[in-house]
Amino acid sequence: MTNIEIHVDAVEPFAEGRAIGDAGRYLRIRGTAKGELDPNASENRVVADLDKAARNARGLMMDHETDFFILRVPIRTGRGACSSTTSPTAAEK
């Protein structure tokens, strides 16, 4: 399986921004991932009727699209091993 495109639709507070236990407040990241599957690959045999699916413009693969939902703890400071030094993404600003 090859991912071709990932599109983030929203980055927003989860549970109305309330802290959840010691983990703190979570962010909800929602979006769409697009890719392609090889109908002849052994790992894709579990997909029902994949061999009957239309092939994409390249002729060998089947295009797919799926929604995703990720929960992420925002960047925290001053919490020892749990702290992060990465910068927020543009979507988080």
Protein backbone atom coordinates (compact mmCIF):
# COMPACT_ATOMS: atom_id res chain seq x y z
CA MET A 1 0.00 0.00 0.00
CA THR A 2 1.30 3.40 -0.96
CA ASN A 3 0.02 6.66 0.48
CA ILE A 4 -0.06 9.34 -2.16
CA GLU A 5 -1.69 12.21 -0.30
CA ILE A 6 -2.70 13.14 3.25
CA HIS A 7 -5.03 16.08 3.76
CA VAL A 8 -5.70 17.49 7.25
CA ASP A 9 -9.17 19.01 7.45
CA ALA A 10 -9.13 20.13 11.09
CA VAL A 11 -6.96 20.33 14.20
CA GLU A 12 -9.17 21.15 17.16
CA PRO A 13 -9.49 20.57 20.91
CA PHE A 14 -10.90 17.17 21.89
CA ALA A 15 -13.56 16.88 24.62
CA GLU A 16 -14.09 20.64 24.50
CA GLY A 17 -10.50 21.17 25.66
CA ARG A 18 -10.93 19.42 29.01
CA ALA A 19 -7.91 17.62 30.47
CA ILE A 20 -8.17 13.83 30.51
CA GLY A 21 -6.41 12.38 33.52
CA ASP A 22 -2.68 13.05 33.84
CA ALA A 23 -2.25 13.10 30.06
CA GLY A 24 -3.78 16.54 29.79
CA ARG A 25 -5.72 18.06 26.93
CA TYR A 26 -5.84 16.28 23.59
CA LEU A 27 -6.06 17.61 20.06
CA ARG A 28 -8.32 15.94 17.50
CA ILE A 29 -6.79 15.76 14.02
CA ARG A 30 -9.22 14.84 11.24
CA GLY A 31 -8.54 14.37 7.58
CA THR A 32 -8.36 12.14 4.53
CA ALA A 33 -5.62 9.83 3.27
CA LYS A 34 -5.49 8.77 -0.36
CA GLY A 35 -3.36 6.02 -1.78
CA GLU A 36 -3.23 2.99 -3.98
CA LEU A 37 -3.31 -0.75 -3.46
CA ASP A 38 -1.73 -3.48 -5.57
CA PRO A 39 -4.49 -6.07 -6.13
CA ASN A 40 -1.82 -8.72 -6.80
CA ALA A 41 0.11 -8.20 -3.55
CA SER A 42 -0.27 -11.06 -1.08
CA GLU A 43 -0.95 -8.73 1.88
CA ASN A 44 -4.03 -7.39 0.06
CA ARG A 45 -5.69 -10.80 -0.46
CA VAL A 46 -7.88 -10.17 2.61
CA VAL A 47 -9.67 -7.31 0.79
CA ALA A 48 -12.87 -8.76 -0.66
CA ASP A 49 -13.25 -8.47 -4.45
CA LEU A 50 -10.17 -6.27 -4.82
CA ASP A 51 -9.35 -8.18 -8.00
CA LYS A 52 -12.60 -6.81 -9.50
CA ALA A 53 -11.87 -3.16 -8.66
CA ALA A 54 -11.15 -0.64 -11.40
CA ARG A 55 -7.47 0.19 -11.91
CA ASN A 56 -6.14 3.72 -11.81
CA ALA A 57 -4.57 5.65 -14.70
CA ARG A 58 -1.28 3.79 -14.21
CA GLY A 59 -3.20 0.59 -14.88
CA LEU A 60 -1.74 -1.57 -12.12
CA MET A 61 -3.11 -0.22 -8.88
CA MET A 62 -6.49 0.43 -7.31
CA ASP A 63 -7.04 3.90 -5.80
CA HIS A 64 -8.49 4.23 -2.32
CA GLU A 65 -9.47 6.98 0.08
CA THR A 66 -10.11 6.82 3.82
CA ASP A 67 -10.93 9.25 6.60
CA PHE A 68 -8.67 9.37 9.65
CA PHE A 69 -9.10 10.61 13.21
CA ILE A 70 -6.06 10.98 15.48
CA LEU A 71 -5.93 12.04 19.12
CA ARG A 72 -2.72 13.81 20.07
CA VAL A 73 -1.52 15.29 23.32
CA PRO A 74 -0.41 18.88 22.61
CA ILE A 75 3.17 19.93 23.22
CA ARG A 76 3.85 20.17 26.92
CA THR A 77 6.71 21.82 28.74
CA GLY A 78 8.15 21.20 32.18
CA ARG A 79 6.98 17.60 32.44
CA GLY A 80 10.30 15.76 32.22
CA ALA A 81 10.40 12.87 29.75
CA CYS A 82 6.97 13.74 28.42
CA SER A 83 7.98 17.18 27.22
CA SER A 84 8.63 17.87 23.56
CA THR A 85 10.97 20.28 21.83
CA THR A 86 9.30 20.14 18.42
CA SER A 87 7.62 23.21 16.99
CA PRO A 88 3.86 23.23 16.43
CA THR A 89 2.73 22.67 12.89
CA ALA A 90 1.05 25.45 10.93
CA ALA A 91 -2.30 23.79 11.61
CA GLU A 92 -1.75 24.05 15.37
CA LYS A 93 -0.89 27.74 15.37
